[in-house]
PDB file of N, CA and C in Angstrom:
ATOM      1  N   UNK A   1      85.665 120.873 105.650  1.00  0.00           N
ATOM      2  CA  UNK A   1      84.555 120.149 106.222  1.00  0.00           C
ATOM      3  C   UNK A   1      84.774 118.660 105.994  1.00  0.00           C
ATOM      4  N   UNK A   2      84.195 117.876 106.894  1.00  0.00           N
ATOM      5  CA  UNK A   2      84.254 116.418 106.728  1.00  0.00           C
ATOM      6  C   UNK A   2      83.129 115.947 105.813  1.00  0.00           C
ATOM      7  N   UNK A   3      83.396 114.831 105.122  1.00  0.00           N
ATOM      8  CA  UNK A   3      82.414 114.187 104.253  1.00  0.00           C
ATOM      9  C   UNK A   3      82.454 112.690 104.506  1.00  0.00           C
ATOM     10  N   UNK A   4      81.268 112.081 104.522  1.00  0.00           N
ATOM     11  CA  UNK A   4      81.153 110.632 104.656  1.00  0.00           C
ATOM     12  C   UNK A   4      80.997 110.043 103.267  1.00  0.00           C
ATOM     13  N   UNK A   5      81.852 109.087 102.961  1.00  0.00           N
ATOM     14  CA  UNK A   5      81.792 108.366 101.693  1.00  0.00           C
ATOM     15  C   UNK A   5      81.355 106.955 102.040  1.00  0.00           C
ATOM     16  N   UNK A   6      80.104 106.639 101.690  1.00  0.00           N
ATOM     17  CA  UNK A   6      79.496 105.357 102.052  1.00  0.00           C
ATOM     18  C   UNK A   6      79.319 104.527 100.793  1.00  0.00           C
ATOM     19  N   UNK A   7      79.961 103.373 100.774  1.00  0.00           N
ATOM     20  CA  UNK A   7      79.958 102.542  99.577  1.00  0.00           C
ATOM     21  C   UNK A   7      79.336 101.193  99.863  1.00  0.00           C
ATOM     22  N   UNK A   8      78.596 100.678  98.886  1.00  0.00           N
ATOM     23  CA  UNK A   8      78.017  99.339  98.965  1.00  0.00           C
ATOM     24  C   UNK A   8      78.675  98.470  97.907  1.00  0.00           C
ATOM     25  N   UNK A   9      79.116  97.297  98.319  1.00  0.00           N
ATOM     26  CA  UNK A   9      79.771  96.365  97.401  1.00  0.00           C
ATOM     27  C   UNK A   9      78.773  95.662  96.487  1.00  0.00           C
ATOM     28  N   UNK A  10      79.276  95.219  95.345  1.00  0.00           N
ATOM     29  CA  UNK A  10      78.543  94.281  94.504  1.00  0.00           C
ATOM     30  C   UNK A  10      78.576  92.924  95.211  1.00  0.00           C
ATOM     31  N   UNK A  11      77.760  91.994  94.791  1.00  0.00           N
ATOM     32  CA  UNK A  11      77.807  90.642  95.355  1.00  0.00           C
ATOM     33  C   UNK A  11      79.147  89.994  95.038  1.00  0.00           C
ATOM     34  N   UNK A  12      79.619  89.200  95.951  1.00  0.00           N
ATOM     35  CA  UNK A  12      80.871  88.444  95.758  1.00  0.00           C
ATOM     36  C   UNK A  12      82.033  89.351  95.352  1.00  0.00           C
ATOM     37  N   UNK A  13      82.257  90.393  96.119  1.00  0.00           N
ATOM     38  CA  UNK A  13      83.280  91.395  95.787  1.00  0.00           C
ATOM     39  C   UNK A  13      84.680  91.044  96.275  1.00  0.00           C
ATOM     40  N   UNK A  14      84.817  89.947  96.997  1.00  0.00           N
ATOM     41  CA  UNK A  14      86.078  89.654  97.686  1.00  0.00           C
ATOM     42  C   UNK A  14      87.296  89.637  96.755  1.00  0.00           C
ATOM     43  N   UNK A  15      87.210  88.970  95.639  1.00  0.00           N
ATOM     44  CA  UNK A  15      88.362  88.898  94.723  1.00  0.00           C
ATOM     45  C   UNK A  15      88.667  90.259  94.111  1.00  0.00           C
ATOM     46  N   UNK A  16      87.631  91.019  93.790  1.00  0.00           N
ATOM     47  CA  UNK A  16      87.839  92.360  93.242  1.00  0.00           C
ATOM     48  C   UNK A  16      88.501  93.251  94.284  1.00  0.00           C
ATOM     49  N   UNK A  17      88.073  93.119  95.548  1.00  0.00           N
ATOM     50  CA  UNK A  17      88.700  93.891  96.630  1.00  0.00           C
ATOM     51  C   UNK A  17      90.190  93.559  96.722  1.00  0.00           C
ATOM     52  N   UNK A  18      90.499  92.270  96.697  1.00  0.00           N
ATOM     53  CA  UNK A  18      91.907  91.850  96.817  1.00  0.00           C
ATOM     54  C   UNK A  18      92.754  92.460  95.714  1.00  0.00           C
ATOM     55  N   UNK A  19      92.227  92.504  94.504  1.00  0.00           N
ATOM     56  CA  UNK A  19      93.030  92.979  93.372  1.00  0.00           C
ATOM     57  C   UNK A  19      93.361  94.469  93.459  1.00  0.00           C
ATOM     58  N   UNK A  20      92.499  95.250  94.123  1.00  0.00           N
ATOM     59  CA  UNK A  20      92.701  96.696  94.165  1.00  0.00           C
ATOM     60  C   UNK A  20      93.047  97.218  95.556  1.00  0.00           C
ATOM     61  N   UNK A  21      93.165  96.327  96.548  1.00  0.00           N
ATOM     62  CA  UNK A  21      93.319  96.750  97.939  1.00  0.00           C
ATOM     63  C   UNK A  21      94.568  97.613  98.177  1.00  0.00           C
ATOM     64  N   UNK A  22      95.698  97.219  97.638  1.00  0.00           N
ATOM     65  CA  UNK A  22      96.944  97.971  97.889  1.00  0.00           C
ATOM     66  C   UNK A  22      96.805  99.424  97.438  1.00  0.00           C
ATOM     67  N   UNK A  23      96.250  99.639  96.259  1.00  0.00           N
ATOM     68  CA  UNK A  23      96.087 101.007  95.754  1.00  0.00           C
ATOM     69  C   UNK A  23      95.031 101.769  96.552  1.00  0.00           C
ATOM     70  N   UNK A  24      93.965 101.081  96.959  1.00  0.00           N
ATOM     71  CA  UNK A  24      92.909 101.688  97.779  1.00  0.00           C
ATOM     72  C   UNK A  24      93.491 102.157  99.116  1.00  0.00           C
ATOM     73  N   UNK A  25      94.259 101.305  99.770  1.00  0.00           N
ATOM     74  CA  UNK A  25      94.870 101.636 101.065  1.00  0.00           C
ATOM     75  C   UNK A  25      95.891 102.757 100.913  1.00  0.00           C
ATOM     76  N   UNK A  26      96.630 102.772  99.824  1.00  0.00           N
ATOM     77  CA  UNK A  26      97.619 103.836  99.595  1.00  0.00           C
ATOM     78  C   UNK A  26      96.940 105.205  99.537  1.00  0.00           C
ATOM     79  N   UNK A  27      95.782 105.287  98.893  1.00  0.00           N
ATOM     80  CA  UNK A  27      95.055 106.564  98.834  1.00  0.00           C
ATOM     81  C   UNK A  27      94.569 106.986 100.216  1.00  0.00           C
ATOM     82  N   UNK A  28      94.093 106.019 101.000  1.00  0.00           N
ATOM     83  CA  UNK A  28      93.657 106.331 102.359  1.00  0.00           C
ATOM     84  C   UNK A  28      94.833 106.795 103.214  1.00  0.00           C
ATOM     85  N   UNK A  29      95.974 106.151 103.059  1.00  0.00           N
ATOM     86  CA  UNK A  29      97.160 106.561 103.808  1.00  0.00           C
ATOM     87  C   UNK A  29      97.605 107.973 103.417  1.00  0.00           C
ATOM     88  N   UNK A  30      97.427 108.343 102.164  1.00  0.00           N
ATOM     89  CA  UNK A  30      97.769 109.696 101.739  1.00  0.00           C
ATOM     90  C   UNK A  30      96.875 110.719 102.453  1.00  0.00           C
ATOM     91  N   UNK A  31      95.570 110.398 102.589  1.00  0.00           N
ATOM     92  CA  UNK A  31      94.675 111.279 103.349  1.00  0.00           C
ATOM     93  C   UNK A  31      95.105 111.343 104.808  1.00  0.00           C
ATOM     94  N   UNK A  32      95.450 110.193 105.366  1.00  0.00           N
ATOM     95  CA  UNK A  32      95.892 110.127 106.768  1.00  0.00           C
ATOM     96  C   UNK A  32      97.149 110.960 106.973  1.00  0.00           C
ATOM     97  N   UNK A  33      98.120 110.804 106.087  1.00  0.00           N
ATOM     98  CA  UNK A  33      99.387 111.531 106.199  1.00  0.00           C
ATOM     99  C   UNK A  33      99.182 113.041 106.078  1.00  0.00           C
ATOM    100  N   UNK A  34      98.138 113.447 105.357  1.00  0.00           N
ATOM    101  CA  UNK A  34      97.829 114.867 105.205  1.00  0.00           C
ATOM    102  C   UNK A  34      96.979 115.389 106.369  1.00  0.00           C
ATOM    103  N   UNK A  35      96.651 114.504 107.319  1.00  0.00           N
ATOM    104  CA  UNK A  35      95.854 114.901 108.470  1.00  0.00           C
ATOM    105  C   UNK A  35      94.386 115.109 108.153  1.00  0.00           C
ATOM    106  N   UNK A  36      93.895 114.498 107.074  1.00  0.00           N
ATOM    107  CA  UNK A  36      92.520 114.723 106.623  1.00  0.00           C
ATOM    108  C   UNK A  36      91.592 113.532 106.864  1.00  0.00           C
ATOM    109  N   UNK A  37      92.116 112.405 107.296  1.00  0.00           N
ATOM    110  CA  UNK A  37      91.302 111.195 107.471  1.00  0.00           C
ATOM    111  C   UNK A  37      90.828 111.073 108.911  1.00  0.00           C
ATOM    112  N   UNK A  38      89.517 111.025 109.105  1.00  0.00           N
ATOM    113  CA  UNK A  38      88.942 110.830 110.431  1.00  0.00           C
ATOM    114  C   UNK A  38      88.826 109.341 110.737  1.00  0.00           C
ATOM    115  N   UNK A  39      88.289 108.576 109.787  1.00  0.00           N
ATOM    116  CA  UNK A  39      88.197 107.125 109.942  1.00  0.00           C
ATOM    117  C   UNK A  39      87.921 106.485 108.600  1.00  0.00           C
ATOM    118  N   UNK A  40      88.243 105.194 108.514  1.00  0.00           N
ATOM    119  CA  UNK A  40      87.972 104.439 107.290  1.00  0.00           C
ATOM    120  C   UNK A  40      87.958 102.960 107.612  1.00  0.00           C
ATOM    121  N   UNK A  41      87.096 102.241 106.929  1.00  0.00           N
ATOM    122  CA  UNK A  41      87.073 100.798 107.098  1.00  0.00           C
ATOM    123  C   UNK A  41      85.905 100.162 106.375  1.00  0.00           C
ATOM    124  N   UNK A  42      85.964  98.834 106.257  1.00  0.00           N
ATOM    125  CA  UNK A  42      84.910  98.095 105.570  1.00  0.00           C
ATOM    126  C   UNK A  42      83.801  97.657 106.522  1.00  0.00           C
ATOM    127  N   UNK A  43      82.690  97.241 105.925  1.00  0.00           N
ATOM    128  CA  UNK A  43      81.567  96.674 106.663  1.00  0.00           C
ATOM    129  C   UNK A  43      81.602  95.161 106.457  1.00  0.00           C
ATOM    130  N   UNK A  44      81.964  94.387 107.491  1.00  0.00           N
ATOM    131  CA  UNK A  44      81.964  92.927 107.352  1.00  0.00           C
ATOM    132  C   UNK A  44      80.550  92.409 107.071  1.00  0.00           C
ATOM    133  N   UNK A  45      80.461  91.349 106.280  1.00  0.00           N
ATOM    134  CA  UNK A  45      79.170  90.763 105.937  1.00  0.00           C
ATOM    135  C   UNK A  45      78.555  90.000 107.105  1.00  0.00           C
ATOM    136  N   UNK A  46      79.362  89.681 108.115  1.00  0.00           N
ATOM    137  CA  UNK A  46      78.868  89.000 109.306  1.00  0.00           C
ATOM    138  C   UNK A  46      79.278  89.805 110.534  1.00  0.00           C
ATOM    139  N   UNK A  47      78.704  89.478 111.646  1.00  0.00           N
ATOM    140  CA  UNK A  47      79.007  90.176 112.903  1.00  0.00           C
ATOM    141  C   UNK A  47      80.325  89.650 113.460  1.00  0.00           C
ATOM    142  N   UNK A  48      81.414  89.984 112.762  1.00  0.00           N
ATOM    143  CA  UNK A  48      82.726  89.449 113.105  1.00  0.00           C
ATOM    144  C   UNK A  48      83.805  90.366 112.547  1.00  0.00           C
ATOM    145  N   UNK A  49      84.913  90.468 113.279  1.00  0.00           N
ATOM    146  CA  UNK A  49      86.066  91.228 112.767  1.00  0.00           C
ATOM    147  C   UNK A  49      86.587  90.612 111.472  1.00  0.00           C
ATOM    148  N   UNK A  50      86.541  89.284 111.389  1.00  0.00           N
ATOM    149  CA  UNK A  50      86.999  88.568 110.202  1.00  0.00           C
ATOM    150  C   UNK A  50      85.841  87.735 109.659  1.00  0.00           C
ATOM    151  N   UNK A  51      85.153  88.236 108.640  1.00  0.00           N
ATOM    152  CA  UNK A  51      83.988  87.527 108.127  1.00  0.00           C
ATOM    153  C   UNK A  51      84.330  86.329 107.245  1.00  0.00           C
ATOM    154  N   UNK A  52      85.616  86.078 107.031  1.00  0.00           N
ATOM    155  CA  UNK A  52      86.020  84.939 106.215  1.00  0.00           C
ATOM    156  C   UNK A  52      85.466  85.025 104.808  1.00  0.00           C
ATOM    157  N   UNK A  53      84.938  83.912 104.328  1.00  0.00           N
ATOM    158  CA  UNK A  53      84.441  83.831 102.956  1.00  0.00           C
ATOM    159  C   UNK A  53      83.237  84.734 102.710  1.00  0.00           C
ATOM    160  N   UNK A  54      82.556  85.166 103.772  1.00  0.00           N
ATOM    161  CA  UNK A  54      81.405  86.058 103.596  1.00  0.00           C
ATOM    162  C   UNK A  54      81.832  87.414 103.055  1.00  0.00           C
ATOM    163  N   UNK A  55      83.070  87.810 103.340  1.00  0.00           N
ATOM    164  CA  UNK A  55      83.610  89.053 102.796  1.00  0.00           C
ATOM    165  C   UNK A  55      83.026  90.309 103.407  1.00  0.00           C
ATOM    166  N   UNK A  56      83.022  91.362 102.625  1.00  0.00           N
ATOM    167  CA  UNK A  56      82.571  92.679 103.050  1.00  0.00           C
ATOM    168  C   UNK A  56      81.357  93.104 102.236  1.00  0.00           C
ATOM    169  N   UNK A  57      80.576  94.022 102.803  1.00  0.00           N
ATOM    170  CA  UNK A  57      79.392  94.509 102.091  1.00  0.00           C
ATOM    171  C   UNK A  57      79.521  95.963 101.663  1.00  0.00           C
ATOM    172  N   UNK A  58      80.604  96.611 102.047  1.00  0.00           N
ATOM    173  CA  UNK A  58      80.797  98.003 101.694  1.00  0.00           C
ATOM    174  C   UNK A  58      81.886  98.632 102.528  1.00  0.00           C
ATOM    175  N   UNK A  59      81.985  99.942 102.448  1.00  0.00           N
ATOM    176  CA  UNK A  59      83.029 100.684 103.160  1.00  0.00           C
ATOM    177  C   UNK A  59      82.510 102.036 103.613  1.00  0.00           C
ATOM    178  N   UNK A  60      83.184 102.584 104.610  1.00  0.00           N
ATOM    179  CA  UNK A  60      82.907 103.933 105.081  1.00  0.00           C
ATOM    180  C   UNK A  60      84.233 104.674 105.204  1.00  0.00           C
ATOM    181  N   UNK A  61      84.283 105.858 104.628  1.00  0.00           N
ATOM    182  CA  UNK A  61      85.427 106.757 104.770  1.00  0.00           C
ATOM    183  C   UNK A  61      84.870 108.096 105.220  1.00  0.00           C
ATOM    184  N   UNK A  62      85.434 108.659 106.273  1.00  0.00           N
ATOM    185  CA  UNK A  62      85.087 110.012 106.691  1.00  0.00           C
ATOM    186  C   UNK A  62      86.385 110.808 106.659  1.00  0.00           C
ATOM    187  N   UNK A  63      86.404 111.811 105.797  1.00  0.00           N
ATOM    188  CA  UNK A  63      87.627 112.586 105.592  1.00  0.00           C
ATOM    189  C   UNK A  63      87.290 114.031 105.279  1.00  0.00           C
ATOM    190  N   UNK A  64      88.304 114.877 105.415  1.00  0.00           N
ATOM    191  CA  UNK A  64      88.145 116.309 105.174  1.00  0.00           C
ATOM    192  C   UNK A  64      88.470 116.634 103.715  1.00  0.00           C
ATOM    193  N   UNK A  65      87.564 117.391 103.097  1.00  0.00           N
ATOM    194  CA  UNK A  65      87.750 117.861 101.724  1.00  0.00           C
ATOM    195  C   UNK A  65      87.335 119.325 101.660  1.00  0.00           C
ATOM    196  N   UNK A  66      87.742 120.025 100.613  1.00  0.00           N
ATOM    197  CA  UNK A  66      87.408 121.437 100.436  1.00  0.00           C
ATOM    198  C   UNK A  66      85.936 121.654 100.110  1.00  0.00           C
ATOM    199  N   UNK A  67      85.317 120.648  99.482  1.00  0.00           N
ATOM    200  CA  UNK A  67      83.924 120.802  99.059  1.00  0.00           C
ATOM    201  C   UNK A  67      83.314 119.432  98.799  1.00  0.00           C
ATOM    202  N   UNK A  68      82.002 119.424  98.670  1.00  0.00           N
ATOM    203  CA  UNK A  68      81.309 118.194  98.319  1.00  0.00           C
ATOM    204  C   UNK A  68      81.779 117.691  96.960  1.00  0.00           C
ATOM    205  N   UNK A  69      81.975 118.591  96.019  1.00  0.00           N
ATOM    206  CA  UNK A  69      82.461 118.187  94.693  1.00  0.00           C
ATOM    207  C   UNK A  69      83.827 117.526  94.764  1.00  0.00           C
ATOM    208  N   UNK A  70      84.733 118.067  95.579  1.00  0.00           N
ATOM    209  CA  UNK A  70      86.065 117.462  95.671  1.00  0.00           C
ATOM    210  C   UNK A  70      86.002 116.103  96.377  1.00  0.00           C
ATOM    211  N   UNK A  71      85.102 115.956  97.341  1.00  0.00           N
ATOM    212  CA  UNK A  71      84.922 114.653  97.991  1.00  0.00           C
ATOM    213  C   UNK A  71      84.385 113.634  96.993  1.00  0.00           C
ATOM    214  N   UNK A  72      83.428 114.056  96.166  1.00  0.00           N
ATOM    215  CA  UNK A  72      82.879 113.149  95.137  1.00  0.00           C
ATOM    216  C   UNK A  72      83.947 112.771  94.118  1.00  0.00           C
ATOM    217  N   UNK A  73      84.753 113.735  93.700  1.00  0.00           N
ATOM    218  CA  UNK A  73      85.832 113.450  92.743  1.00  0.00           C
ATOM    219  C   UNK A  73      86.806 112.437  93.325  1.00  0.00           C
ATOM    220  N   UNK A  74      87.162 112.615  94.611  1.00  0.00           N
ATOM    221  CA  UNK A  74      88.072 111.677  95.261  1.00  0.00           C
ATOM    222  C   UNK A  74      87.436 110.287  95.300  1.00  0.00           C
ATOM    223  N   UNK A  75      86.175 110.219  95.678  1.00  0.00           N
ATOM    224  CA  UNK A  75      85.481 108.933  95.765  1.00  0.00           C
ATOM    225  C   UNK A  75      85.389 108.257  94.394  1.00  0.00           C
ATOM    226  N   UNK A  76      85.106 109.033  93.360  1.00  0.00           N
ATOM    227  CA  UNK A  76      84.981 108.473  92.010  1.00  0.00           C
ATOM    228  C   UNK A  76      86.295 107.903  91.496  1.00  0.00           C
ATOM    229  N   UNK A  77      87.421 108.398  92.010  1.00  0.00           N
ATOM    230  CA  UNK A  77      88.742 107.946  91.560  1.00  0.00           C
ATOM    231  C   UNK A  77      89.277 106.777  92.389  1.00  0.00           C
ATOM    232  N   UNK A  78      88.478 106.252  93.299  1.00  0.00           N
ATOM    233  CA  UNK A  78      88.923 105.143  94.148  1.00  0.00           C
ATOM    234  C   UNK A  78      89.210 103.901  93.299  1.00  0.00           C
ATOM    235  N   UNK A  79      90.317 103.215  93.546  1.00  0.00           N
ATOM    236  CA  UNK A  79      90.614 101.992  92.811  1.00  0.00           C
ATOM    237  C   UNK A  79      89.529 100.923  92.942  1.00  0.00           C
ATOM    238  N   UNK A  80      88.792 100.928  94.049  1.00  0.00           N
ATOM    239  CA  UNK A  80      87.686  99.970  94.179  1.00  0.00           C
ATOM    240  C   UNK A  80      86.577 100.274  93.178  1.00  0.00           C
ATOM    241  N   UNK A  81      86.379 101.529  92.826  1.00  0.00           N
ATOM    242  CA  UNK A  81      85.402 101.888  91.799  1.00  0.00           C
ATOM    243  C   UNK A  81      85.870 101.333  90.460  1.00  0.00           C
ATOM    244  N   UNK A  82      87.124 101.574  90.124  1.00  0.00           N
ATOM    245  CA  UNK A  82      87.673 101.098  88.849  1.00  0.00           C
ATOM    246  C   UNK A  82      87.657  99.574  88.757  1.00  0.00           C
ATOM    247  N   UNK A  83      87.827  98.899  89.894  1.00  0.00           N
ATOM    248  CA  UNK A  83      87.859  97.424  89.903  1.00  0.00           C
ATOM    249  C   UNK A  83      86.464  96.814  89.935  1.00  0.00           C
ATOM    250  N   UNK A  84      85.433  97.642  90.045  1.00  0.00           N
ATOM    251  CA  UNK A  84      84.074  97.128  90.067  1.00  0.00           C
ATOM    252  C   UNK A  84      83.625  96.579  91.406  1.00  0.00           C
ATOM    253  N   UNK A  85      84.288  96.989  92.486  1.00  0.00           N
ATOM    254  CA  UNK A  85      83.932  96.523  93.832  1.00  0.00           C
ATOM    255  C   UNK A  85      82.599  97.127  94.279  1.00  0.00           C
ATOM    256  N   UNK A  86      82.410  98.392  93.997  1.00  0.00           N
ATOM    257  CA  UNK A  86      81.249  99.103  94.517  1.00  0.00           C
ATOM    258  C   UNK A  86      80.083  99.129  93.530  1.00  0.00           C
ATOM    259  N   UNK A  87      78.895  98.816  94.042  1.00  0.00           N
ATOM    260  CA  UNK A  87      77.666  98.948  93.270  1.00  0.00           C
ATOM    261  C   UNK A  87      77.109 100.356  93.408  1.00  0.00           C
ATOM    262  N   UNK A  88      77.392 100.988  94.564  1.00  0.00           N
ATOM    263  CA  UNK A  88      76.829 102.302  94.850  1.00  0.00           C
ATOM    264  C   UNK A  88      77.760 103.062  95.786  1.00  0.00           C
ATOM    265  N   UNK A  89      77.920 104.348  95.537  1.00  0.00           N
ATOM    266  CA  UNK A  89      78.715 105.220  96.402  1.00  0.00           C
ATOM    267  C   UNK A  89      77.909 106.485  96.662  1.00  0.00           C
ATOM    268  N   UNK A  90      77.747 106.815  97.946  1.00  0.00           N
ATOM    269  CA  UNK A  90      77.039 108.025  98.355  1.00  0.00           C
ATOM    270  C   UNK A  90      78.019 108.890  99.129  1.00  0.00           C
ATOM    271  N   UNK A  91      78.052 110.179  98.810  1.00  0.00           N
ATOM    272  CA  UNK A  91      78.924 111.130  99.500  1.00  0.00           C
ATOM    273  C   UNK A  91      78.038 112.210 100.103  1.00  0.00           C
ATOM    274  N   UNK A  92      78.196 112.418 101.423  1.00  0.00           N
ATOM    275  CA  UNK A  92      77.399 113.407 102.139  1.00  0.00           C
ATOM    276  C   UNK A  92      78.280 114.218 103.070  1.00  0.00           C
ATOM    277  N   UNK A  93      77.914 115.471 103.314  1.00  0.00           N
ATOM    278  CA  UNK A  93      78.611 116.238 104.351  1.00  0.00           C
ATOM    279  C   UNK A  93      78.431 115.542 105.695  1.00  0.00           C
ATOM    280  N   UNK A  94      79.449 115.640 106.545  1.00  0.00           N
ATOM    281  CA  UNK A  94      79.435 114.990 107.854  1.00  0.00           C
ATOM    282  C   UNK A  94      79.845 116.010 108.899  1.00  0.00           C
ATOM    283  N   UNK A  95      79.036 116.156 109.915  1.00  0.00           N
ATOM    284  CA  UNK A  95      79.353 117.073 110.998  1.00  0.00           C
ATOM    285  C   UNK A  95      79.821 116.261 112.199  1.00  0.00           C
ATOM    286  N   UNK A  96      81.074 116.395 112.535  1.00  0.00           N
ATOM    287  CA  UNK A  96      81.630 115.686 113.692  1.00  0.00           C
ATOM    288  C   UNK A  96      81.170 116.383 114.966  1.00  0.00           C
ATOM    289  N   UNK A  97      80.564 115.605 115.861  1.00  0.00           N
ATOM    290  CA  UNK A  97      80.123 116.125 117.150  1.00  0.00           C
ATOM    291  C   UNK A  97      80.937 115.504 118.273  1.00  0.00           C
ATOM    292  N   UNK A  98      81.094 114.196 118.271  1.00  0.00           N
ATOM    293  CA  UNK A  98      81.862 113.476 119.301  1.00  0.00           C
ATOM    294  C   UNK A  98      82.797 112.483 118.653  1.00  0.00           C
ATOM    295  N   UNK A  99      83.857 112.061 119.193  1.00  0.00           N
ATOM    296  CA  UNK A  99      84.545 112.722 120.291  1.00  0.00           C
ATOM    297  C   UNK A  99      85.215 113.985 119.811  1.00  0.00           C
TER     298      UNK A  99
END
């Protein structure tokens, strides 16, 4: 089943994101390579592809896991969590309807 991992950043998270980005992206690529990643990306702080100094306000990952517990375990092990990027992480089952 798919699960949505919705994360909210702490204030001024840009430097923390930079420090952990390579490891964060590597984990996402591992999900992609396993055919389990539906989508992933950050939420810009402004209505722009490149928010500049405004940075990001959070992230969304939708991926396939065996259970809600395994999705939560994966989310808890994210390098952004360890780096203090996220203030809050919510994991919910996701039912893909379209496309």
